[in-house]
Amino acid sequence: MWAIGFLLLHYQGVAQDATVTGTVVAASDNTPVPGVSVTIKGTTRGTVTDSDGRFSLMANASDVLVFSFIGMATQEILVGSQQNMQVTLSS
């Protein structure tokens, strides 16, 4: 009986969201890109980078973050064990 409880607690712990932060920069000159849309793929959950290209979002390790900005190539990145991301977008 205790094993089932342990497994349920373990599963619940794995599925919980954690804060993922990061910075989005332009590949051309490595400057921060404000206004980049950062969403969790397949959901409407997301945020936008601030004036310094920084973002913060609650996500699971199994989530894929989609980074998009007009005039730049969209990137999809698996969160995995990353808690702080450096994302580079190219034209």
PDB file of N, CA and C in Angstrom:
ATOM      1  N   MET A   1       0.811  -1.184   0.000  1.00  0.00           N
ATOM      2  CA  MET A   1       0.000   0.000   0.000  1.00  0.00           C
ATOM      3  C   MET A   1       0.867   1.266   0.000  1.00  0.00           C
ATOM      4  N   TRP A   2       1.919   1.270   0.804  1.00  0.00           N
ATOM      5  CA  TRP A   2       2.782   2.440   0.859  1.00  0.00           C
ATOM      6  C   TRP A   2       3.471   2.680  -0.481  1.00  0.00           C
ATOM      7  N   ALA A   3       3.721   1.597  -1.228  1.00  0.00           N
ATOM      8  CA  ALA A   3       4.388   1.736  -2.526  1.00  0.00           C
ATOM      9  C   ALA A   3       3.516   2.519  -3.506  1.00  0.00           C
ATOM     10  N   ILE A   4       2.214   2.280  -3.460  1.00  0.00           N
ATOM     11  CA  ILE A   4       1.301   3.004  -4.353  1.00  0.00           C
ATOM     12  C   ILE A   4       1.313   4.491  -4.008  1.00  0.00           C
ATOM     13  N   GLY A   5       1.271   4.795  -2.719  1.00  0.00           N
ATOM     14  CA  GLY A   5       1.325   6.188  -2.286  1.00  0.00           C
ATOM     15  C   GLY A   5       2.610   6.863  -2.725  1.00  0.00           C
ATOM     16  N   PHE A   6       3.724   6.152  -2.588  1.00  0.00           N
ATOM     17  CA  PHE A   6       5.020   6.692  -3.002  1.00  0.00           C
ATOM     18  C   PHE A   6       5.032   6.987  -4.499  1.00  0.00           C
ATOM     19  N   LEU A   7       4.514   6.048  -5.292  1.00  0.00           N
ATOM     20  CA  LEU A   7       4.487   6.230  -6.739  1.00  0.00           C
ATOM     21  C   LEU A   7       3.608   7.419  -7.130  1.00  0.00           C
ATOM     22  N   LEU A   8       2.472   7.575  -6.461  1.00  0.00           N
ATOM     23  CA  LEU A   8       1.593   8.696  -6.763  1.00  0.00           C
ATOM     24  C   LEU A   8       2.267  10.025  -6.417  1.00  0.00           C
ATOM     25  N   LEU A   9       2.956  10.084  -5.290  1.00  0.00           N
ATOM     26  CA  LEU A   9       3.667  11.307  -4.918  1.00  0.00           C
ATOM     27  C   LEU A   9       4.788  11.601  -5.901  1.00  0.00           C
ATOM     28  N   HIS A  10       5.501  10.556  -6.314  1.00  0.00           N
ATOM     29  CA  HIS A  10       6.583  10.727  -7.273  1.00  0.00           C
ATOM     30  C   HIS A  10       6.036  11.246  -8.602  1.00  0.00           C
ATOM     31  N   TYR A  11       4.954  10.651  -9.084  1.00  0.00           N
ATOM     32  CA  TYR A  11       4.353  11.072 -10.352  1.00  0.00           C
ATOM     33  C   TYR A  11       3.892  12.517 -10.264  1.00  0.00           C
ATOM     34  N   GLN A  12       3.257  12.883  -9.160  1.00  0.00           N
ATOM     35  CA  GLN A  12       2.773  14.236  -8.975  1.00  0.00           C
ATOM     36  C   GLN A  12       3.944  15.222  -8.974  1.00  0.00           C
ATOM     37  N   GLY A  13       5.044  14.863  -8.349  1.00  0.00           N
ATOM     38  CA  GLY A  13       6.218  15.729  -8.300  1.00  0.00           C
ATOM     39  C   GLY A  13       6.838  15.937  -9.657  1.00  0.00           C
ATOM     40  N   VAL A  14       6.831  14.914 -10.495  1.00  0.00           N
ATOM     41  CA  VAL A  14       7.416  15.011 -11.821  1.00  0.00           C
ATOM     42  C   VAL A  14       6.572  15.910 -12.726  1.00  0.00           C
ATOM     43  N   ALA A  15       5.255  15.883 -12.545  1.00  0.00           N
ATOM     44  CA  ALA A  15       4.350  16.598 -13.433  1.00  0.00           C
ATOM     45  C   ALA A  15       4.193  18.076 -13.076  1.00  0.00           C
ATOM     46  N   GLN A  16       4.745  18.508 -11.981  1.00  0.00           N
ATOM     47  CA  GLN A  16       4.543  19.884 -11.547  1.00  0.00           C
ATOM     48  C   GLN A  16       5.337  20.871 -12.389  1.00  0.00           C
ATOM     49  N   ASP A  17       4.741  22.044 -12.539  1.00  0.00           N
ATOM     50  CA  ASP A  17       5.400  23.127 -13.263  1.00  0.00           C
ATOM     51  C   ASP A  17       6.546  23.711 -12.445  1.00  0.00           C
ATOM     52  N   ALA A  18       7.514  24.237 -13.147  1.00  0.00           N
ATOM     53  CA  ALA A  18       8.622  24.962 -12.533  1.00  0.00           C
ATOM     54  C   ALA A  18       8.821  26.239 -13.342  1.00  0.00           C
ATOM     55  N   THR A  19       9.419  27.225 -12.740  1.00  0.00           N
ATOM     56  CA  THR A  19       9.670  28.476 -13.458  1.00  0.00           C
ATOM     57  C   THR A  19      10.868  28.328 -14.386  1.00  0.00           C
ATOM     58  N   VAL A  20      10.645  28.637 -15.650  1.00  0.00           N
ATOM     59  CA  VAL A  20      11.712  28.642 -16.650  1.00  0.00           C
ATOM     60  C   VAL A  20      11.938  30.102 -17.025  1.00  0.00           C
ATOM     61  N   THR A  21      13.178  30.541 -16.965  1.00  0.00           N
ATOM     62  CA  THR A  21      13.523  31.915 -17.320  1.00  0.00           C
ATOM     63  C   THR A  21      14.534  31.890 -18.453  1.00  0.00           C
ATOM     64  N   GLY A  22      14.760  33.033 -19.045  1.00  0.00           N
ATOM     65  CA  GLY A  22      15.771  33.080 -20.091  1.00  0.00           C
ATOM     66  C   GLY A  22      15.815  34.409 -20.789  1.00  0.00           C
ATOM     67  N   THR A  23      16.669  34.456 -21.800  1.00  0.00           N
ATOM     68  CA  THR A  23      16.862  35.649 -22.608  1.00  0.00           C
ATOM     69  C   THR A  23      16.862  35.248 -24.076  1.00  0.00           C
ATOM     70  N   VAL A  24      16.224  36.075 -24.893  1.00  0.00           N
ATOM     71  CA  VAL A  24      16.206  35.857 -26.339  1.00  0.00           C
ATOM     72  C   VAL A  24      17.032  36.961 -26.983  1.00  0.00           C
ATOM     73  N   VAL A  25      18.002  36.555 -27.820  1.00  0.00           N
ATOM     74  CA  VAL A  25      18.866  37.506 -28.518  1.00  0.00           C
ATOM     75  C   VAL A  25      18.814  37.256 -30.025  1.00  0.00           C
ATOM     76  N   ALA A  26      19.193  38.262 -30.781  1.00  0.00           N
ATOM     77  CA  ALA A  26      19.258  38.164 -32.239  1.00  0.00           C
ATOM     78  C   ALA A  26      20.593  37.567 -32.654  1.00  0.00           C
ATOM     79  N   ALA A  27      20.552  36.647 -33.600  1.00  0.00           N
ATOM     80  CA  ALA A  27      21.773  36.002 -34.079  1.00  0.00           C
ATOM     81  C   ALA A  27      22.703  36.992 -34.777  1.00  0.00           C
ATOM     82  N   SER A  28      22.135  38.001 -35.419  1.00  0.00           N
ATOM     83  CA  SER A  28      22.937  38.942 -36.199  1.00  0.00           C
ATOM     84  C   SER A  28      23.903  39.773 -35.358  1.00  0.00           C
ATOM     85  N   ASP A  29      23.470  40.179 -34.160  1.00  0.00           N
ATOM     86  CA  ASP A  29      24.334  41.052 -33.356  1.00  0.00           C
ATOM     87  C   ASP A  29      24.289  40.755 -31.857  1.00  0.00           C
ATOM     88  N   ASN A  30      23.636  39.654 -31.488  1.00  0.00           N
ATOM     89  CA  ASN A  30      23.577  39.199 -30.096  1.00  0.00           C
ATOM     90  C   ASN A  30      22.896  40.207 -29.152  1.00  0.00           C
ATOM     91  N   THR A  31      22.027  41.064 -29.707  1.00  0.00           N
ATOM     92  CA  THR A  31      21.297  42.020 -28.871  1.00  0.00           C
ATOM     93  C   THR A  31      19.977  41.403 -28.428  1.00  0.00           C
ATOM     94  N   PRO A  32      19.474  41.791 -27.262  1.00  0.00           N
ATOM     95  CA  PRO A  32      18.191  41.276 -26.766  1.00  0.00           C
ATOM     96  C   PRO A  32      17.051  41.634 -27.724  1.00  0.00           C
ATOM     97  N   VAL A  33      16.074  40.730 -27.820  1.00  0.00           N
ATOM     98  CA  VAL A  33      14.924  40.971 -28.689  1.00  0.00           C
ATOM     99  C   VAL A  33      13.665  41.110 -27.818  1.00  0.00           C
ATOM    100  N   PRO A  34      13.150  42.332 -27.668  1.00  0.00           N
ATOM    101  CA  PRO A  34      11.910  42.521 -26.913  1.00  0.00           C
ATOM    102  C   PRO A  34      10.696  42.141 -27.762  1.00  0.00           C
ATOM    103  N   GLY A  35       9.631  41.694 -27.110  1.00  0.00           N
ATOM    104  CA  GLY A  35       8.388  41.407 -27.811  1.00  0.00           C
ATOM    105  C   GLY A  35       8.294  40.037 -28.452  1.00  0.00           C
ATOM    106  N   VAL A  36       9.229  39.136 -28.139  1.00  0.00           N
ATOM    107  CA  VAL A  36       9.166  37.778 -28.676  1.00  0.00           C
ATOM    108  C   VAL A  36       8.058  37.017 -27.957  1.00  0.00           C
ATOM    109  N   SER A  37       7.215  36.330 -28.701  1.00  0.00           N
ATOM    110  CA  SER A  37       6.160  35.507 -28.134  1.00  0.00           C
ATOM    111  C   SER A  37       6.769  34.172 -27.702  1.00  0.00           C
ATOM    112  N   VAL A  38       6.562  33.819 -26.425  1.00  0.00           N
ATOM    113  CA  VAL A  38       7.063  32.549 -25.883  1.00  0.00           C
ATOM    114  C   VAL A  38       5.842  31.784 -25.378  1.00  0.00           C
ATOM    115  N   THR A  39       5.486  30.694 -26.074  1.00  0.00           N
ATOM    116  CA  THR A  39       4.306  29.926 -25.691  1.00  0.00           C
ATOM    117  C   THR A  39       4.659  28.459 -25.484  1.00  0.00           C
ATOM    118  N   ILE A  40       3.822  27.789 -24.702  1.00  0.00           N
ATOM    119  CA  ILE A  40       3.955  26.351 -24.540  1.00  0.00           C
ATOM    120  C   ILE A  40       3.189  25.709 -25.686  1.00  0.00           C
ATOM    121  N   LYS A  41       3.877  24.919 -26.484  1.00  0.00           N
ATOM    122  CA  LYS A  41       3.304  24.316 -27.684  1.00  0.00           C
ATOM    123  C   LYS A  41       2.022  23.564 -27.354  1.00  0.00           C
ATOM    124  N   GLY A  42       1.000  23.804 -28.163  1.00  0.00           N
ATOM    125  CA  GLY A  42      -0.272  23.113 -27.997  1.00  0.00           C
ATOM    126  C   GLY A  42      -1.180  23.731 -26.945  1.00  0.00           C
ATOM    127  N   THR A  43      -0.776  24.870 -26.384  1.00  0.00           N
ATOM    128  CA  THR A  43      -1.590  25.554 -25.372  1.00  0.00           C
ATOM    129  C   THR A  43      -1.698  27.031 -25.730  1.00  0.00           C
ATOM    130  N   THR A  44      -2.447  27.746 -24.918  1.00  0.00           N
ATOM    131  CA  THR A  44      -2.519  29.199 -25.058  1.00  0.00           C
ATOM    132  C   THR A  44      -1.705  29.881 -23.972  1.00  0.00           C
ATOM    133  N   ARG A  45      -0.987  29.092 -23.169  1.00  0.00           N
ATOM    134  CA  ARG A  45      -0.146  29.638 -22.094  1.00  0.00           C
ATOM    135  C   ARG A  45       1.139  30.205 -22.675  1.00  0.00           C
ATOM    136  N   GLY A  46       1.468  31.408 -22.237  1.00  0.00           N
ATOM    137  CA  GLY A  46       2.699  31.996 -22.728  1.00  0.00           C
ATOM    138  C   GLY A  46       2.971  33.352 -22.131  1.00  0.00           C
ATOM    139  N   THR A  47       3.978  33.988 -22.694  1.00  0.00           N
ATOM    140  CA  THR A  47       4.397  35.306 -22.246  1.00  0.00           C
ATOM    141  C   THR A  47       5.096  36.000 -23.407  1.00  0.00           C
ATOM    142  N   VAL A  48       5.584  37.203 -23.150  1.00  0.00           N
ATOM    143  CA  VAL A  48       6.315  37.987 -24.148  1.00  0.00           C
ATOM    144  C   VAL A  48       7.598  38.482 -23.488  1.00  0.00           C
ATOM    145  N   THR A  49       8.692  38.505 -24.244  1.00  0.00           N
ATOM    146  CA  THR A  49       9.951  38.996 -23.670  1.00  0.00           C
ATOM    147  C   THR A  49       9.847  40.497 -23.368  1.00  0.00           C
ATOM    148  N   ASP A  50      10.548  40.913 -22.311  1.00  0.00           N
ATOM    149  CA  ASP A  50      10.536  42.319 -21.908  1.00  0.00           C
ATOM    150  C   ASP A  50      11.535  43.128 -22.742  1.00  0.00           C
ATOM    151  N   SER A  51      11.761  44.365 -22.373  1.00  0.00           N
ATOM    152  CA  SER A  51      12.641  45.254 -23.149  1.00  0.00           C
ATOM    153  C   SER A  51      14.095  44.781 -23.187  1.00  0.00           C
ATOM    154  N   ASP A  52      14.469  43.888 -22.262  1.00  0.00           N
ATOM    155  CA  ASP A  52      15.820  43.322 -22.238  1.00  0.00           C
ATOM    156  C   ASP A  52      15.867  41.909 -22.818  1.00  0.00           C
ATOM    157  N   GLY A  53      14.769  41.480 -23.476  1.00  0.00           N
ATOM    158  CA  GLY A  53      14.712  40.155 -24.081  1.00  0.00           C
ATOM    159  C   GLY A  53      14.499  39.029 -23.085  1.00  0.00           C
ATOM    160  N   ARG A  54      14.160  39.357 -21.840  1.00  0.00           N
ATOM    161  CA  ARG A  54      13.993  38.332 -20.799  1.00  0.00           C
ATOM    162  C   ARG A  54      12.550  37.839 -20.722  1.00  0.00           C
ATOM    163  N   PHE A  55      12.410  36.569 -20.314  1.00  0.00           N
ATOM    164  CA  PHE A  55      11.081  35.990 -20.114  1.00  0.00           C
ATOM    165  C   PHE A  55      11.103  35.084 -18.893  1.00  0.00           C
ATOM    166  N   SER A  56       9.906  34.805 -18.382  1.00  0.00           N
ATOM    167  CA  SER A  56       9.720  33.885 -17.257  1.00  0.00           C
ATOM    168  C   SER A  56       8.366  33.220 -17.457  1.00  0.00           C
ATOM    169  N   LEU A  57       8.333  31.886 -17.311  1.00  0.00           N
ATOM    170  CA  LEU A  57       7.118  31.131 -17.607  1.00  0.00           C
ATOM    171  C   LEU A  57       7.110  29.841 -16.796  1.00  0.00           C
ATOM    172  N   MET A  58       5.954  29.469 -16.291  1.00  0.00           N
ATOM    173  CA  MET A  58       5.799  28.186 -15.601  1.00  0.00           C
ATOM    174  C   MET A  58       5.619  27.094 -16.660  1.00  0.00           C
ATOM    175  N   ALA A  59       6.436  26.025 -16.587  1.00  0.00           N
ATOM    176  CA  ALA A  59       6.371  24.953 -17.578  1.00  0.00           C
ATOM    177  C   ALA A  59       6.840  23.640 -16.967  1.00  0.00           C
ATOM    178  N   ASN A  60       6.409  22.528 -17.570  1.00  0.00           N
ATOM    179  CA  ASN A  60       6.864  21.188 -17.198  1.00  0.00           C
ATOM    180  C   ASN A  60       8.113  20.833 -17.993  1.00  0.00           C
ATOM    181  N   ALA A  61       8.858  19.871 -17.506  1.00  0.00           N
ATOM    182  CA  ALA A  61      10.052  19.404 -18.219  1.00  0.00           C
ATOM    183  C   ALA A  61       9.697  18.852 -19.598  1.00  0.00           C
ATOM    184  N   SER A  62       8.487  18.313 -19.744  1.00  0.00           N
ATOM    185  CA  SER A  62       8.079  17.720 -21.028  1.00  0.00           C
ATOM    186  C   SER A  62       7.497  18.741 -22.004  1.00  0.00           C
ATOM    187  N   ASP A  63       7.350  19.993 -21.574  1.00  0.00           N
ATOM    188  CA  ASP A  63       6.798  21.027 -22.449  1.00  0.00           C
ATOM    189  C   ASP A  63       7.820  21.486 -23.487  1.00  0.00           C
ATOM    190  N   VAL A  64       7.296  21.915 -24.628  1.00  0.00           N
ATOM    191  CA  VAL A  64       8.115  22.507 -25.679  1.00  0.00           C
ATOM    192  C   VAL A  64       7.750  23.982 -25.748  1.00  0.00           C
ATOM    193  N   LEU A  65       8.745  24.853 -25.641  1.00  0.00           N
ATOM    194  CA  LEU A  65       8.512  26.288 -25.748  1.00  0.00           C
ATOM    195  C   LEU A  65       8.702  26.716 -27.199  1.00  0.00           C
ATOM    196  N   VAL A  66       7.765  27.532 -27.679  1.00  0.00           N
ATOM    197  CA  VAL A  66       7.812  28.038 -29.048  1.00  0.00           C
ATOM    198  C   VAL A  66       8.137  29.530 -28.985  1.00  0.00           C
ATOM    199  N   PHE A  67       9.228  29.912 -29.629  1.00  0.00           N
ATOM    200  CA  PHE A  67       9.688  31.301 -29.663  1.00  0.00           C
ATOM    201  C   PHE A  67       9.423  31.846 -31.061  1.00  0.00           C
ATOM    202  N   SER A  68       8.612  32.906 -31.148  1.00  0.00           N
ATOM    203  CA  SER A  68       8.311  33.461 -32.466  1.00  0.00           C
ATOM    204  C   SER A  68       8.311  34.987 -32.441  1.00  0.00           C
ATOM    205  N   PHE A  69       8.779  35.546 -33.558  1.00  0.00           N
ATOM    206  CA  PHE A  69       8.861  36.992 -33.716  1.00  0.00           C
ATOM    207  C   PHE A  69       8.816  37.289 -35.209  1.00  0.00           C
ATOM    208  N   ILE A  70       8.059  38.292 -35.589  1.00  0.00           N
ATOM    209  CA  ILE A  70       7.923  38.637 -37.009  1.00  0.00           C
ATOM    210  C   ILE A  70       9.300  38.924 -37.614  1.00  0.00           C
ATOM    211  N   GLY A  71       9.573  38.290 -38.746  1.00  0.00           N
ATOM    212  CA  GLY A  71      10.836  38.500 -39.451  1.00  0.00           C
ATOM    213  C   GLY A  71      11.958  37.576 -39.000  1.00  0.00           C
ATOM    214  N   MET A  72      11.671  36.722 -38.005  1.00  0.00           N
ATOM    215  CA  MET A  72      12.694  35.791 -37.517  1.00  0.00           C
ATOM    216  C   MET A  72      12.149  34.363 -37.570  1.00  0.00           C
ATOM    217  N   ALA A  73      13.066  33.408 -37.689  1.00  0.00           N
ATOM    218  CA  ALA A  73      12.688  32.000 -37.741  1.00  0.00           C
ATOM    219  C   ALA A  73      12.171  31.543 -36.374  1.00  0.00           C
ATOM    220  N   THR A  74      11.050  30.843 -36.371  1.00  0.00           N
ATOM    221  CA  THR A  74      10.472  30.310 -35.136  1.00  0.00           C
ATOM    222  C   THR A  74      11.336  29.165 -34.634  1.00  0.00           C
ATOM    223  N   GLN A  75      11.513  29.105 -33.313  1.00  0.00           N
ATOM    224  CA  GLN A  75      12.277  28.010 -32.694  1.00  0.00           C
ATOM    225  C   GLN A  75      11.402  27.285 -31.692  1.00  0.00           C
ATOM    226  N   GLU A  76      11.562  25.960 -31.619  1.00  0.00           N
ATOM    227  CA  GLU A  76      10.883  25.139 -30.622  1.00  0.00           C
ATOM    228  C   GLU A  76      11.957  24.448 -29.799  1.00  0.00           C
ATOM    229  N   ILE A  77      11.861  24.592 -28.467  1.00  0.00           N
ATOM    230  CA  ILE A  77      12.885  24.029 -27.579  1.00  0.00           C
ATOM    231  C   ILE A  77      12.211  23.268 -26.442  1.00  0.00           C
ATOM    232  N   LEU A  78      12.622  22.014 -26.247  1.00  0.00           N
ATOM    233  CA  LEU A  78      12.139  21.209 -25.129  1.00  0.00           C
ATOM    234  C   LEU A  78      12.709  21.764 -23.835  1.00  0.00           C
ATOM    235  N   VAL A  79      11.848  21.935 -22.822  1.00  0.00           N
ATOM    236  CA  VAL A  79      12.301  22.476 -21.543  1.00  0.00           C
ATOM    237  C   VAL A  79      13.302  21.526 -20.900  1.00  0.00           C
ATOM    238  N   GLY A  80      12.956  20.250 -20.773  1.00  0.00           N
ATOM    239  CA  GLY A  80      13.852  19.278 -20.153  1.00  0.00           C
ATOM    240  C   GLY A  80      14.258  19.721 -18.759  1.00  0.00           C
ATOM    241  N   SER A  81      15.535  19.675 -18.457  1.00  0.00           N
ATOM    242  CA  SER A  81      16.022  20.057 -17.127  1.00  0.00           C
ATOM    243  C   SER A  81      16.463  21.520 -17.080  1.00  0.00           C
ATOM    244  N   GLN A  82      16.299  22.240 -18.188  1.00  0.00           N
ATOM    245  CA  GLN A  82      16.730  23.637 -18.243  1.00  0.00           C
ATOM    246  C   GLN A  82      15.825  24.526 -17.393  1.00  0.00           C
ATOM    247  N   GLN A  83      16.427  25.363 -16.593  1.00  0.00           N
ATOM    248  CA  GLN A  83      15.657  26.340 -15.837  1.00  0.00           C
ATOM    249  C   GLN A  83      15.998  27.755 -16.295  1.00  0.00           C
ATOM    250  N   ASN A  84      17.103  27.893 -17.028  1.00  0.00           N
ATOM    251  CA  ASN A  84      17.496  29.186 -17.568  1.00  0.00           C
ATOM    252  C   ASN A  84      17.976  28.963 -18.998  1.00  0.00           C
ATOM    253  N   MET A  85      17.308  29.596 -19.943  1.00  0.00           N
ATOM    254  CA  MET A  85      17.609  29.382 -21.374  1.00  0.00           C
ATOM    255  C   MET A  85      18.214  30.634 -22.005  1.00  0.00           C
ATOM    256  N   GLN A  86      19.112  30.419 -22.939  1.00  0.00           N
ATOM    257  CA  GLN A  86      19.633  31.477 -23.805  1.00  0.00           C
ATOM    258  C   GLN A  86      19.212  31.075 -25.206  1.00  0.00           C
ATOM    259  N   VAL A  87      18.289  31.833 -25.802  1.00  0.00           N
ATOM    260  CA  VAL A  87      17.735  31.487 -27.102  1.00  0.00           C
ATOM    261  C   VAL A  87      18.194  32.517 -28.128  1.00  0.00           C
ATOM    262  N   THR A  88      18.657  32.027 -29.280  1.00  0.00           N
ATOM    263  CA  THR A  88      19.115  32.904 -30.349  1.00  0.00           C
ATOM    264  C   THR A  88      18.194  32.729 -31.544  1.00  0.00           C
ATOM    265  N   LEU A  89      17.589  33.836 -31.987  1.00  0.00           N
ATOM    266  CA  LEU A  89      16.708  33.807 -33.151  1.00  0.00           C
ATOM    267  C   LEU A  89      17.423  34.415 -34.343  1.00  0.00           C
ATOM    268  N   SER A  90      17.289  33.758 -35.502  1.00  0.00           N
ATOM    269  CA  SER A  90      17.896  34.299 -36.723  1.00  0.00           C
ATOM    270  C   SER A  90      16.827  34.790 -37.673  1.00  0.00           C
ATOM    271  N   SER A  91      17.243  35.687 -38.567  1.00  0.00           N
ATOM    272  CA  SER A  91      16.313  36.273 -39.557  1.00  0.00           C
ATOM    273  C   SER A  91      15.889  35.223 -40.555  1.00  0.00           C
TER     274      SER A  91
END
